Each structure stands twice: as structure tokens, then as C-alpha cells.
PDB file of N, CA and C in Angstrom:
ATOM      1  N   GLY A   1     -53.211 127.599   6.430  1.00  0.00           N
ATOM      2  CA  GLY A   1     -53.206 126.260   6.958  1.00  0.00           C
ATOM      3  C   GLY A   1     -51.822 125.787   7.379  1.00  0.00           C
ATOM      4  N   ILE A   2     -50.850 126.675   7.369  1.00  0.00           N
ATOM      5  CA  ILE A   2     -49.508 126.270   7.790  1.00  0.00           C
ATOM      6  C   ILE A   2     -49.443 126.283   9.304  1.00  0.00           C
ATOM      7  N   GLU A   3     -48.967 125.200   9.858  1.00  0.00           N
ATOM      8  CA  GLU A   3     -48.832 125.073  11.308  1.00  0.00           C
ATOM      9  C   GLU A   3     -47.358 124.920  11.663  1.00  0.00           C
ATOM     10  N   TRP A   4     -47.040 125.200  12.935  1.00  0.00           N
ATOM     11  CA  TRP A   4     -45.656 125.123  13.389  1.00  0.00           C
ATOM     12  C   TRP A   4     -45.058 123.752  13.099  1.00  0.00           C
ATOM     13  N   SER A   5     -45.834 122.703  13.250  1.00  0.00           N
ATOM     14  CA  SER A   5     -45.311 121.353  13.008  1.00  0.00           C
ATOM     15  C   SER A   5     -44.868 121.165  11.556  1.00  0.00           C
ATOM     16  N   HIS A   6     -45.421 121.947  10.643  1.00  0.00           N
ATOM     17  CA  HIS A   6     -45.027 121.856   9.233  1.00  0.00           C
ATOM     18  C   HIS A   6     -43.662 122.487   8.966  1.00  0.00           C
ATOM     19  N   VAL A   7     -43.272 123.444   9.797  1.00  0.00           N
ATOM     20  CA  VAL A   7     -42.054 124.219   9.513  1.00  0.00           C
ATOM     21  C   VAL A   7     -40.985 124.147  10.595  1.00  0.00           C
ATOM     22  N   ALA A   8     -41.294 123.512  11.708  1.00  0.00           N
ATOM     23  CA  ALA A   8     -40.387 123.523  12.862  1.00  0.00           C
ATOM     24  C   ALA A   8     -38.980 123.033  12.526  1.00  0.00           C
ATOM     25  N   LYS A   9     -38.858 122.054  11.665  1.00  0.00           N
ATOM     26  CA  LYS A   9     -37.543 121.486  11.352  1.00  0.00           C
ATOM     27  C   LYS A   9     -37.026 121.942   9.987  1.00  0.00           C
ATOM     28  N   LYS A  10     -37.626 122.966   9.434  1.00  0.00           N
ATOM     29  CA  LYS A  10     -37.214 123.482   8.126  1.00  0.00           C
ATOM     30  C   LYS A  10     -36.196 124.602   8.306  1.00  0.00           C
ATOM     31  N   PRO A  11     -35.411 124.887   7.273  1.00  0.00           N
ATOM     32  CA  PRO A  11     -34.423 125.968   7.369  1.00  0.00           C
ATOM     33  C   PRO A  11     -35.104 127.327   7.547  1.00  0.00           C
ATOM     34  N   THR A  12     -34.386 128.249   8.156  1.00  0.00           N
ATOM     35  CA  THR A  12     -34.882 129.611   8.316  1.00  0.00           C
ATOM     36  C   THR A  12     -34.746 130.366   6.996  1.00  0.00           C
ATOM     37  N   PHE A  13     -35.376 131.527   6.919  1.00  0.00           N
ATOM     38  CA  PHE A  13     -35.225 132.378   5.745  1.00  0.00           C
ATOM     39  C   PHE A  13     -33.747 132.713   5.529  1.00  0.00           C
ATOM     40  N   ALA A  14     -33.069 133.079   6.602  1.00  0.00           N
ATOM     41  CA  ALA A  14     -31.642 133.426   6.489  1.00  0.00           C
ATOM     42  C   ALA A  14     -30.843 132.252   5.931  1.00  0.00           C
ATOM     43  N   GLY A  15     -31.206 131.036   6.307  1.00  0.00           N
ATOM     44  CA  GLY A  15     -30.509 129.861   5.805  1.00  0.00           C
ATOM     45  C   GLY A  15     -30.805 129.569   4.346  1.00  0.00           C
ATOM     46  N   LEU A  16     -31.999 129.934   3.897  1.00  0.00           N
ATOM     47  CA  LEU A  16     -32.395 129.686   2.512  1.00  0.00           C
ATOM     48  C   LEU A  16     -32.024 130.826   1.566  1.00  0.00           C
ATOM     49  N   TRP A  17     -31.830 132.024   2.121  1.00  0.00           N
ATOM     50  CA  TRP A  17     -31.656 133.199   1.276  1.00  0.00           C
ATOM     51  C   TRP A  17     -30.548 133.080   0.243  1.00  0.00           C
ATOM     52  N   PRO A  18     -29.361 132.550   0.571  1.00  0.00           N
ATOM     53  CA  PRO A  18     -28.315 132.474  -0.468  1.00  0.00           C
ATOM     54  C   PRO A  18     -28.773 131.713  -1.713  1.00  0.00           C
ATOM     55  N   LYS A  19     -29.492 130.626  -1.534  1.00  0.00           N
ATOM     56  CA  LYS A  19     -29.994 129.855  -2.679  1.00  0.00           C
ATOM     57  C   LYS A  19     -31.091 130.632  -3.406  1.00  0.00           C
ATOM     58  N   LEU A  20     -31.983 131.244  -2.641  1.00  0.00           N
ATOM     59  CA  LEU A  20     -33.050 132.033  -3.258  1.00  0.00           C
ATOM     60  C   LEU A  20     -32.473 133.201  -4.041  1.00  0.00           C
ATOM     61  N   GLN A  21     -31.502 133.866  -3.457  1.00  0.00           N
ATOM     62  CA  GLN A  21     -30.890 135.031  -4.093  1.00  0.00           C
ATOM     63  C   GLN A  21     -30.246 134.650  -5.426  1.00  0.00           C
ATOM     64  N   LYS A  22     -29.585 133.494  -5.462  1.00  0.00           N
ATOM     65  CA  LYS A  22     -28.966 133.024  -6.708  1.00  0.00           C
ATOM     66  C   LYS A  22     -30.016 132.826  -7.796  1.00  0.00           C
ATOM     67  N   SER A  23     -31.202 132.343  -7.412  1.00  0.00           N
ATOM     68  CA  SER A  23     -32.244 132.100  -8.412  1.00  0.00           C
ATOM     69  C   SER A  23     -32.808 133.412  -8.973  1.00  0.00           C
ATOM     70  N   LEU A  24     -32.565 134.522  -8.293  1.00  0.00           N
ATOM     71  CA  LEU A  24     -33.035 135.822  -8.775  1.00  0.00           C
ATOM     72  C   LEU A  24     -32.017 136.530  -9.659  1.00  0.00           C
ATOM     73  N   THR A  25     -30.819 135.973  -9.748  1.00  0.00           N
ATOM     74  CA  THR A  25     -29.765 136.593 -10.551  1.00  0.00           C
ATOM     75  C   THR A  25     -30.231 136.737 -11.996  1.00  0.00           C
ATOM     76  N   GLY A  26     -30.142 137.949 -12.501  1.00  0.00           N
ATOM     77  CA  GLY A  26     -30.527 138.210 -13.884  1.00  0.00           C
ATOM     78  C   GLY A  26     -32.005 138.494 -14.085  1.00  0.00           C
ATOM     79  N   ALA A  27     -32.791 138.414 -13.028  1.00  0.00           N
ATOM     80  CA  ALA A  27     -34.230 138.679 -13.167  1.00  0.00           C
ATOM     81  C   ALA A  27     -34.464 140.152 -13.459  1.00  0.00           C
ATOM     82  N   ASP A  28     -35.371 140.422 -14.385  1.00  0.00           N
ATOM     83  CA  ASP A  28     -35.728 141.799 -14.712  1.00  0.00           C
ATOM     84  C   ASP A  28     -36.771 142.345 -13.738  1.00  0.00           C
ATOM     85  N   TYR A  29     -37.565 141.441 -13.166  1.00  0.00           N
ATOM     86  CA  TYR A  29     -38.618 141.832 -12.229  1.00  0.00           C
ATOM     87  C   TYR A  29     -39.113 140.596 -11.494  1.00  0.00           C
ATOM     88  N   LEU A  30     -39.863 140.835 -10.428  1.00  0.00           N
ATOM     89  CA  LEU A  30     -40.585 139.790  -9.704  1.00  0.00           C
ATOM     90  C   LEU A  30     -42.068 140.083  -9.894  1.00  0.00           C
ATOM     91  N   ALA A  31     -42.889 139.067  -9.959  1.00  0.00           N
ATOM     92  CA  ALA A  31     -44.326 139.261 -10.133  1.00  0.00           C
ATOM     93  C   ALA A  31     -45.063 138.643  -8.957  1.00  0.00           C
ATOM     94  N   ALA A  32     -46.099 139.336  -8.518  1.00  0.00           N
ATOM     95  CA  ALA A  32     -46.929 138.837  -7.420  1.00  0.00           C
ATOM     96  C   ALA A  32     -48.313 139.454  -7.529  1.00  0.00           C
ATOM     97  N   HIS A  33     -49.296 138.729  -7.063  1.00  0.00           N
ATOM     98  CA  HIS A  33     -50.659 139.237  -7.023  1.00  0.00           C
ATOM     99  C   HIS A  33     -50.793 140.029  -5.731  1.00  0.00           C
ATOM    100  N   ASN A  34     -51.060 141.309  -5.857  1.00  0.00           N
ATOM    101  CA  ASN A  34     -51.025 142.262  -4.737  1.00  0.00           C
ATOM    102  C   ASN A  34     -49.577 142.394  -4.264  1.00  0.00           C
ATOM    103  N   ALA A  35     -48.744 142.830  -5.174  1.00  0.00           N
ATOM    104  CA  ALA A  35     -47.293 142.856  -4.967  1.00  0.00           C
ATOM    105  C   ALA A  35     -46.857 143.689  -3.774  1.00  0.00           C
ATOM    106  N   SER A  36     -47.626 144.691  -3.393  1.00  0.00           N
ATOM    107  CA  SER A  36     -47.200 145.499  -2.244  1.00  0.00           C
ATOM    108  C   SER A  36     -47.111 144.637  -0.989  1.00  0.00           C
ATOM    109  N   PHE A  37     -48.002 143.668  -0.850  1.00  0.00           N
ATOM    110  CA  PHE A  37     -47.943 142.750   0.293  1.00  0.00           C
ATOM    111  C   PHE A  37     -46.688 141.885   0.208  1.00  0.00           C
ATOM    112  N   ASP A  38     -46.493 141.235  -0.928  1.00  0.00           N
ATOM    113  CA  ASP A  38     -45.360 140.317  -1.075  1.00  0.00           C
ATOM    114  C   ASP A  38     -44.018 141.030  -0.969  1.00  0.00           C
ATOM    115  N   SER A  39     -43.923 142.199  -1.567  1.00  0.00           N
ATOM    116  CA  SER A  39     -42.651 142.924  -1.480  1.00  0.00           C
ATOM    117  C   SER A  39     -42.399 143.370  -0.048  1.00  0.00           C
ATOM    118  N   GLY A  40     -43.450 143.729   0.676  1.00  0.00           N
ATOM    119  CA  GLY A  40     -43.294 144.096   2.083  1.00  0.00           C
ATOM    120  C   GLY A  40     -42.821 142.932   2.930  1.00  0.00           C
ATOM    121  N   VAL A  41     -43.394 141.754   2.692  1.00  0.00           N
ATOM    122  CA  VAL A  41     -42.980 140.559   3.432  1.00  0.00           C
ATOM    123  C   VAL A  41     -41.531 140.211   3.098  1.00  0.00           C
ATOM    124  N   LEU A  42     -41.187 140.244   1.818  1.00  0.00           N
ATOM    125  CA  LEU A  42     -39.812 139.927   1.415  1.00  0.00           C
ATOM    126  C   LEU A  42     -38.826 140.912   2.040  1.00  0.00           C
ATOM    127  N   ASN A  43     -39.157 142.188   1.998  1.00  0.00           N
ATOM    128  CA  ASN A  43     -38.267 143.192   2.592  1.00  0.00           C
ATOM    129  C   ASN A  43     -38.134 142.997   4.099  1.00  0.00           C
ATOM    130  N   ALA A  44     -39.233 142.664   4.772  1.00  0.00           N
ATOM    131  CA  ALA A  44     -39.185 142.422   6.216  1.00  0.00           C
ATOM    132  C   ALA A  44     -38.361 141.182   6.540  1.00  0.00           C
ATOM    133  N   CYS A  45     -38.502 140.138   5.748  1.00  0.00           N
ATOM    134  CA  CYS A  45     -37.711 138.915   5.969  1.00  0.00           C
ATOM    135  C   CYS A  45     -36.225 139.202   5.766  1.00  0.00           C
ATOM    136  N   CYS A  46     -35.909 139.950   4.732  1.00  0.00           N
ATOM    137  CA  CYS A  46     -34.505 140.298   4.481  1.00  0.00           C
ATOM    138  C   CYS A  46     -33.954 141.143   5.626  1.00  0.00           C
ATOM    139  N   ALA A  47     -34.733 142.106   6.098  1.00  0.00           N
ATOM    140  CA  ALA A  47     -34.278 142.950   7.209  1.00  0.00           C
ATOM    141  C   ALA A  47     -34.057 142.113   8.458  1.00  0.00           C
ATOM    142  N   ALA A  48     -34.977 141.206   8.749  1.00  0.00           N
ATOM    143  CA  ALA A  48     -34.843 140.359   9.942  1.00  0.00           C
ATOM    144  C   ALA A  48     -33.633 139.440   9.841  1.00  0.00           C
ATOM    145  N   ALA A  49     -33.311 139.009   8.620  1.00  0.00           N
ATOM    146  CA  ALA A  49     -32.168 138.121   8.406  1.00  0.00           C
ATOM    147  C   ALA A  49     -30.862 138.887   8.270  1.00  0.00           C
ATOM    148  N   GLY A  50     -30.951 140.212   8.185  1.00  0.00           N
ATOM    149  CA  GLY A  50     -29.746 141.021   8.041  1.00  0.00           C
ATOM    150  C   GLY A  50     -29.109 140.918   6.673  1.00  0.00           C
ATOM    151  N   VAL A  51     -29.945 140.723   5.646  1.00  0.00           N
ATOM    152  CA  VAL A  51     -29.439 140.632   4.274  1.00  0.00           C
ATOM    153  C   VAL A  51     -30.095 141.715   3.424  1.00  0.00           C
ATOM    154  N   ALA A  52     -29.458 142.065   2.338  1.00  0.00           N
ATOM    155  CA  ALA A  52     -30.008 143.074   1.442  1.00  0.00           C
ATOM    156  C   ALA A  52     -31.169 142.491   0.656  1.00  0.00           C
ATOM    157  N   ALA A  53     -32.247 143.255   0.575  1.00  0.00           N
ATOM    158  CA  ALA A  53     -33.414 142.839  -0.213  1.00  0.00           C
ATOM    159  C   ALA A  53     -33.101 143.002  -1.699  1.00  0.00           C
ATOM    160  N   PRO A  54     -33.761 142.238  -2.538  1.00  0.00           N
ATOM    161  CA  PRO A  54     -33.533 142.392  -3.974  1.00  0.00           C
ATOM    162  C   PRO A  54     -33.954 143.787  -4.438  1.00  0.00           C
ATOM    163  N   THR A  55     -33.279 144.276  -5.445  1.00  0.00           N
ATOM    164  CA  THR A  55     -33.567 145.617  -5.945  1.00  0.00           C
ATOM    165  C   THR A  55     -34.384 145.605  -7.232  1.00  0.00           C
ATOM    166  N   VAL A  56     -34.702 144.430  -7.742  1.00  0.00           N
ATOM    167  CA  VAL A  56     -35.509 144.364  -8.963  1.00  0.00           C
ATOM    168  C   VAL A  56     -36.936 144.808  -8.648  1.00  0.00           C
ATOM    169  N   PRO A  57     -37.604 145.430  -9.606  1.00  0.00           N
ATOM    170  CA  PRO A  57     -38.970 145.888  -9.355  1.00  0.00           C
ATOM    171  C   PRO A  57     -39.963 144.729  -9.305  1.00  0.00           C
ATOM    172  N   PHE A  58     -41.082 144.975  -8.661  1.00  0.00           N
ATOM    173  CA  PHE A  58     -42.187 144.035  -8.626  1.00  0.00           C
ATOM    174  C   PHE A  58     -43.228 144.447  -9.657  1.00  0.00           C
ATOM    175  N   ILE A  59     -43.805 143.482 -10.328  1.00  0.00           N
ATOM    176  CA  ILE A  59     -44.985 143.701 -11.154  1.00  0.00           C
ATOM    177  C   ILE A  59     -46.164 143.173 -10.356  1.00  0.00           C
ATOM    178  N   CYS A  60     -47.162 144.021 -10.179  1.00  0.00           N
ATOM    179  CA  CYS A  60     -48.364 143.614  -9.454  1.00  0.00           C
ATOM    180  C   CYS A  60     -49.389 143.110 -10.460  1.00  0.00           C
ATOM    181  N   THR A  61     -49.742 141.837 -10.378  1.00  0.00           N
ATOM    182  CA  THR A  61     -50.681 141.277 -11.345  1.00  0.00           C
ATOM    183  C   THR A  61     -52.118 141.741 -11.094  1.00  0.00           C
ATOM    184  N   VAL A  62     -52.409 142.271  -9.914  1.00  0.00           N
ATOM    185  CA  VAL A  62     -53.717 142.912  -9.690  1.00  0.00           C
ATOM    186  C   VAL A  62     -53.805 144.149 -10.580  1.00  0.00           C
ATOM    187  N   LYS A  63     -52.812 145.028 -10.464  1.00  0.00           N
ATOM    188  CA  LYS A  63     -52.795 146.259 -11.261  1.00  0.00           C
ATOM    189  C   LYS A  63     -52.715 145.942 -12.752  1.00  0.00           C
ATOM    190  N   LEU A  64     -51.921 144.937 -13.085  1.00  0.00           N
ATOM    191  CA  LEU A  64     -51.766 144.547 -14.482  1.00  0.00           C
ATOM    192  C   LEU A  64     -53.090 144.076 -15.070  1.00  0.00           C
ATOM    193  N   ALA A  65     -53.835 143.264 -14.330  1.00  0.00           N
ATOM    194  CA  ALA A  65     -55.126 142.753 -14.819  1.00  0.00           C
ATOM    195  C   ALA A  65     -56.137 143.881 -15.001  1.00  0.00           C
ATOM    196  N   ARG A  66     -56.111 144.839 -14.098  1.00  0.00           N
ATOM    197  CA  ARG A  66     -57.025 145.981 -14.237  1.00  0.00           C
ATOM    198  C   ARG A  66     -56.667 146.812 -15.459  1.00  0.00           C
ATOM    199  N   LYS A  67     -55.367 147.050 -15.653  1.00  0.00           N
ATOM    200  CA  LYS A  67     -54.904 147.867 -16.774  1.00  0.00           C
ATOM    201  C   LYS A  67     -55.120 147.153 -18.104  1.00  0.00           C
ATOM    202  N   ALA A  68     -54.802 145.866 -18.145  1.00  0.00           N
ATOM    203  CA  ALA A  68     -54.822 145.131 -19.409  1.00  0.00           C
ATOM    204  C   ALA A  68     -56.226 144.743 -19.858  1.00  0.00           C
ATOM    205  N   TRP A  69     -57.056 144.288 -18.915  1.00  0.00           N
ATOM    206  CA  TRP A  69     -58.344 143.719 -19.306  1.00  0.00           C
ATOM    207  C   TRP A  69     -59.535 144.298 -18.542  1.00  0.00           C
ATOM    208  N   ALA A  70     -59.288 145.320 -17.720  1.00  0.00           N
ATOM    209  CA  ALA A  70     -60.341 145.963 -16.919  1.00  0.00           C
ATOM    210  C   ALA A  70     -61.125 144.944 -16.086  1.00  0.00           C
ATOM    211  N   ILE A  71     -60.421 143.974 -15.542  1.00  0.00           N
ATOM    212  CA  ILE A  71     -61.062 142.931 -14.739  1.00  0.00           C
ATOM    213  C   ILE A  71     -61.393 143.478 -13.359  1.00  0.00           C
ATOM    214  N   ARG A  72     -62.601 143.223 -12.907  1.00  0.00           N
ATOM    215  CA  ARG A  72     -63.039 143.537 -11.542  1.00  0.00           C
ATOM    216  C   ARG A  72     -64.062 142.479 -11.168  1.00  0.00           C
ATOM    217  N   PRO A  73     -64.007 141.896 -10.004  1.00  0.00           N
ATOM    218  CA  PRO A  73     -62.937 142.018  -9.019  1.00  0.00           C
ATOM    219  C   PRO A  73     -61.656 141.366  -9.536  1.00  0.00           C
ATOM    220  N   THR A  74     -60.571 141.690  -8.868  1.00  0.00           N
ATOM    221  CA  THR A  74     -59.268 141.206  -9.352  1.00  0.00           C
ATOM    222  C   THR A  74     -58.604 140.234  -8.395  1.00  0.00           C
ATOM    223  N   LYS A  75     -59.404 139.472  -7.673  1.00  0.00           N
ATOM    224  CA  LYS A  75     -58.802 138.395  -6.872  1.00  0.00           C
ATOM    225  C   LYS A  75     -58.185 137.401  -7.843  1.00  0.00           C
ATOM    226  N   LEU A  76     -57.153 136.715  -7.397  1.00  0.00           N
ATOM    227  CA  LEU A  76     -56.423 135.802  -8.277  1.00  0.00           C
ATOM    228  C   LEU A  76     -57.350 134.799  -8.973  1.00  0.00           C
ATOM    229  N   PRO A  77     -58.300 134.167  -8.275  1.00  0.00           N
ATOM    230  CA  PRO A  77     -59.193 133.239  -8.986  1.00  0.00           C
ATOM    231  C   PRO A  77     -60.014 133.926 -10.086  1.00  0.00           C
ATOM    232  N   ASP A  78     -60.419 135.179  -9.855  1.00  0.00           N
ATOM    233  CA  ASP A  78     -61.199 135.903 -10.864  1.00  0.00           C
ATOM    234  C   ASP A  78     -60.373 136.165 -12.120  1.00  0.00           C
ATOM    235  N   VAL A  79     -59.136 136.608 -11.925  1.00  0.00           N
ATOM    236  CA  VAL A  79     -58.264 136.891 -13.059  1.00  0.00           C
ATOM    237  C   VAL A  79     -57.962 135.603 -13.812  1.00  0.00           C
ATOM    238  N   CYS A  80     -57.667 134.541 -13.085  1.00  0.00           N
ATOM    239  CA  CYS A  80     -57.364 133.256 -13.727  1.00  0.00           C
ATOM    240  C   CYS A  80     -58.571 132.725 -14.504  1.00  0.00           C
ATOM    241  N   ARG A  81     -59.740 132.860 -13.941  1.00  0.00           N
ATOM    242  CA  ARG A  81     -60.953 132.418 -14.632  1.00  0.00           C
ATOM    243  C   ARG A  81     -61.122 133.204 -15.947  1.00  0.00           C
ATOM    244  N   HIS A  82     -60.936 134.518 -15.872  1.00  0.00           N
ATOM    245  CA  HIS A  82     -61.073 135.373 -17.055  1.00  0.00           C
ATOM    246  C   HIS A  82     -60.092 134.968 -18.158  1.00  0.00           C
ATOM    247  N   LEU A  83     -58.876 134.618 -17.762  1.00  0.00           N
ATOM    248  CA  LEU A  83     -57.827 134.288 -18.733  1.00  0.00           C
ATOM    249  C   LEU A  83     -57.737 132.796 -19.048  1.00  0.00           C
ATOM    250  N   GLY A  84     -58.537 131.972 -18.379  1.00  0.00           N
ATOM    251  CA  GLY A  84     -58.481 130.524 -18.605  1.00  0.00           C
ATOM    252  C   GLY A  84     -57.223 129.881 -18.055  1.00  0.00           C
ATOM    253  N   ILE A  85     -56.710 130.432 -16.957  1.00  0.00           N
ATOM    254  CA  ILE A  85     -55.498 129.908 -16.319  1.00  0.00           C
ATOM    255  C   ILE A  85     -55.900 128.949 -15.211  1.00  0.00           C
ATOM    256  N   LYS A  86     -55.309 127.769 -15.219  1.00  0.00           N
ATOM    257  CA  LYS A  86     -55.568 126.775 -14.182  1.00  0.00           C
ATOM    258  C   LYS A  86     -55.003 127.276 -12.858  1.00  0.00           C
ATOM    259  N   LEU A  87     -55.749 127.086 -11.765  1.00  0.00           N
ATOM    260  CA  LEU A  87     -55.319 127.574 -10.454  1.00  0.00           C
ATOM    261  C   LEU A  87     -55.816 126.661  -9.350  1.00  0.00           C
ATOM    262  N   ASN A  88     -54.911 126.283  -8.466  1.00  0.00           N
ATOM    263  CA  ASN A  88     -55.259 125.640  -7.195  1.00  0.00           C
ATOM    264  C   ASN A  88     -54.937 126.701  -6.140  1.00  0.00           C
ATOM    265  N   HIS A  89     -55.899 127.577  -5.899  1.00  0.00           N
ATOM    266  CA  HIS A  89     -55.669 128.790  -5.112  1.00  0.00           C
ATOM    267  C   HIS A  89     -55.117 128.498  -3.721  1.00  0.00           C
ATOM    268  N   HIS A  90     -54.168 129.306  -3.310  1.00  0.00           N
ATOM    269  CA  HIS A  90     -53.448 129.233  -2.040  1.00  0.00           C
ATOM    270  C   HIS A  90     -52.503 128.045  -1.956  1.00  0.00           C
ATOM    271  N   GLU A  91     -52.228 127.416  -3.077  1.00  0.00           N
ATOM    272  CA  GLU A  91     -51.144 126.445  -3.154  1.00  0.00           C
ATOM    273  C   GLU A  91     -50.009 127.225  -3.807  1.00  0.00           C
ATOM    274  N   ALA A  92     -48.905 127.378  -3.099  1.00  0.00           N
ATOM    275  CA  ALA A  92     -47.865 128.336  -3.475  1.00  0.00           C
ATOM    276  C   ALA A  92     -47.396 128.203  -4.924  1.00  0.00           C
ATOM    277  N   LEU A  93     -47.099 127.011  -5.362  1.00  0.00           N
ATOM    278  CA  LEU A  93     -46.604 126.842  -6.722  1.00  0.00           C
ATOM    279  C   LEU A  93     -47.672 127.224  -7.743  1.00  0.00           C
ATOM    280  N   SER A  94     -48.897 126.826  -7.511  1.00  0.00           N
ATOM    281  CA  SER A  94     -49.985 127.160  -8.424  1.00  0.00           C
ATOM    282  C   SER A  94     -50.207 128.669  -8.491  1.00  0.00           C
ATOM    283  N   ASP A  95     -50.188 129.329  -7.338  1.00  0.00           N
ATOM    284  CA  ASP A  95     -50.345 130.786  -7.309  1.00  0.00           C
ATOM    285  C   ASP A  95     -49.212 131.466  -8.074  1.00  0.00           C
ATOM    286  N   ALA A  96     -47.985 130.982  -7.876  1.00  0.00           N
ATOM    287  CA  ALA A  96     -46.827 131.575  -8.556  1.00  0.00           C
ATOM    288  C   ALA A  96     -46.914 131.365 -10.068  1.00  0.00           C
ATOM    289  N   GLU A  97     -47.284 130.161 -10.481  1.00  0.00           N
ATOM    290  CA  GLU A  97     -47.430 129.892 -11.918  1.00  0.00           C
ATOM    291  C   GLU A  97     -48.537 130.741 -12.524  1.00  0.00           C
ATOM    292  N   ALA A  98     -49.617 130.941 -11.760  1.00  0.00           N
ATOM    293  CA  ALA A  98     -50.713 131.781 -12.247  1.00  0.00           C
ATOM    294  C   ALA A  98     -50.235 133.210 -12.465  1.00  0.00           C
ATOM    295  N   CYS A  99     -49.470 133.745 -11.518  1.00  0.00           N
ATOM    296  CA  CYS A  99     -48.937 135.103 -11.683  1.00  0.00           C
ATOM    297  C   CYS A  99     -48.043 135.191 -12.914  1.00  0.00           C
ATOM    298  N   ALA A 100     -47.203 134.201 -13.087  1.00  0.00           N
ATOM    299  CA  ALA A 100     -46.335 134.185 -14.270  1.00  0.00           C
ATOM    300  C   ALA A 100     -47.173 134.152 -15.543  1.00  0.00           C
ATOM    301  N   ASN A 101     -48.222 133.369 -15.560  1.00  0.00           N
ATOM    302  CA  ASN A 101     -49.071 133.281 -16.745  1.00  0.00           C
ATOM    303  C   ASN A 101     -49.858 134.556 -17.000  1.00  0.00           C
ATOM    304  N   ILE A 102     -50.218 135.276 -15.943  1.00  0.00           N
ATOM    305  CA  ILE A 102     -50.874 136.584 -16.111  1.00  0.00           C
ATOM    306  C   ILE A 102     -49.904 137.552 -16.777  1.00  0.00           C
ATOM    307  N   VAL A 103     -48.661 137.573 -16.309  1.00  0.00           N
ATOM    308  CA  VAL A 103     -47.646 138.443 -16.906  1.00  0.00           C
ATOM    309  C   VAL A 103     -47.431 138.068 -18.371  1.00  0.00           C
ATOM    310  N   LEU A 104     -47.335 136.785 -18.663  1.00  0.00           N
ATOM    311  CA  LEU A 104     -47.143 136.343 -20.049  1.00  0.00           C
ATOM    312  C   LEU A 104     -48.324 136.737 -20.929  1.00  0.00           C
ATOM    313  N   ALA A 105     -49.542 136.615 -20.409  1.00  0.00           N
ATOM    314  CA  ALA A 105     -50.738 136.996 -21.176  1.00  0.00           C
ATOM    315  C   ALA A 105     -50.731 138.492 -21.471  1.00  0.00           C
ATOM    316  N   ALA A 106     -50.359 139.293 -20.493  1.00  0.00           N
ATOM    317  CA  ALA A 106     -50.295 140.743 -20.708  1.00  0.00           C
ATOM    318  C   ALA A 106     -49.227 141.090 -21.746  1.00  0.00           C
ATOM    319  N   ALA A 107     -48.073 140.454 -21.640  1.00  0.00           N
ATOM    320  CA  ALA A 107     -47.001 140.711 -22.609  1.00  0.00           C
ATOM    321  C   ALA A 107     -47.453 140.318 -24.018  1.00  0.00           C
ATOM    322  N   LYS A 108     -48.140 139.195 -24.121  1.00  0.00           N
ATOM    323  CA  LYS A 108     -48.645 138.739 -25.425  1.00  0.00           C
ATOM    324  C   LYS A 108     -49.625 139.745 -26.011  1.00  0.00           C
ATOM    325  N   ASP A 109     -50.400 140.398 -25.132  1.00  0.00           N
ATOM    326  CA  ASP A 109     -51.364 141.406 -25.575  1.00  0.00           C
ATOM    327  C   ASP A 109     -50.736 142.782 -25.767  1.00  0.00           C
ATOM    328  N   GLY A 110     -49.410 142.866 -25.586  1.00  0.00           N
ATOM    329  CA  GLY A 110     -48.706 144.117 -25.811  1.00  0.00           C
ATOM    330  C   GLY A 110     -48.855 145.140 -24.701  1.00  0.00           C
ATOM    331  N   ILE A 111     -49.213 144.696 -23.505  1.00  0.00           N
ATOM    332  CA  ILE A 111     -49.379 145.590 -22.372  1.00  0.00           C
ATOM    333  C   ILE A 111     -48.008 145.853 -21.745  1.00  0.00           C
ATOM    334  N   PRO A 112     -47.624 147.123 -21.530  1.00  0.00           N
ATOM    335  CA  PRO A 112     -46.340 147.398 -20.854  1.00  0.00           C
ATOM    336  C   PRO A 112     -46.357 146.810 -19.447  1.00  0.00           C
ATOM    337  N   LEU A 113     -45.312 146.099 -19.100  1.00  0.00           N
ATOM    338  CA  LEU A 113     -45.280 145.415 -17.805  1.00  0.00           C
ATOM    339  C   LEU A 113     -44.805 146.317 -16.681  1.00  0.00           C
ATOM    340  N   LEU A 114     -43.861 147.172 -16.973  1.00  0.00           N
ATOM    341  CA  LEU A 114     -43.332 148.065 -15.956  1.00  0.00           C
ATOM    342  C   LEU A 114     -43.736 149.490 -16.283  1.00  0.00           C
ATOM    343  N   ASP A 115     -44.132 150.211 -15.258  1.00  0.00           N
ATOM    344  CA  ASP A 115     -44.537 151.608 -15.473  1.00  0.00           C
ATOM    345  C   ASP A 115     -43.352 152.492 -15.737  1.00  0.00           C
TER     346      ASP A 115
END
């Protein structure tokens, strides 16, 4: 639902990257639902901006949910429903918080986060 009028006067990725990069300092990993997509987009944005992509590993919460709780299907709403995590799907902050809560739930259950 994002339209050009929503972003036309907003900073570019290259303009935001220094602030974003600082927020990643010290991170052990990044988490995303279907992380291969998100890591690909992040790497493409970094390449287009001429900046180095982060080197921290991604944790895929799809793979994590399958490994930890054998959840199928593993769409974000399905995983959140299974774990009792509140979600306003496709709202960026809610999706990000849900991924963080999936990682926390797996860690609480003693599931290794990184392969």
C-alpha cells in the first residue's frame, strides 16, 4: 500500500544508512521472517547506495518456527497465532516486533538461534 506520494519527500536509503548502520553496532544478528528476501533487499539497497552491507548473520524466523515448534504453514500470522504474539500484519513495526518475539520465544525454549 505504499505509494510514491508517501515517500517522495522522504530521505533516500543512502541518506538514512549512516543512522541505520549505527543502530546495528554490536548486533549479534538480524532477524526477519523469510530472511533470504530481507537480506537480499538490504544487500541490494546497500549496493545501490555504494555502501557496505552489514556482515552480521540473519536469523530466519520461518526456519526457526519450523525447527522449534514444527509449525506449518509458517506465514507470520500463523506463527504469531501459535505463539500468542500480537500482530498487525504488514505494519512494519508490528512485523519487526513479532520477529523479535519469535526469536525470544525460541531462545526461551532453548532452541539454537544460529546454525
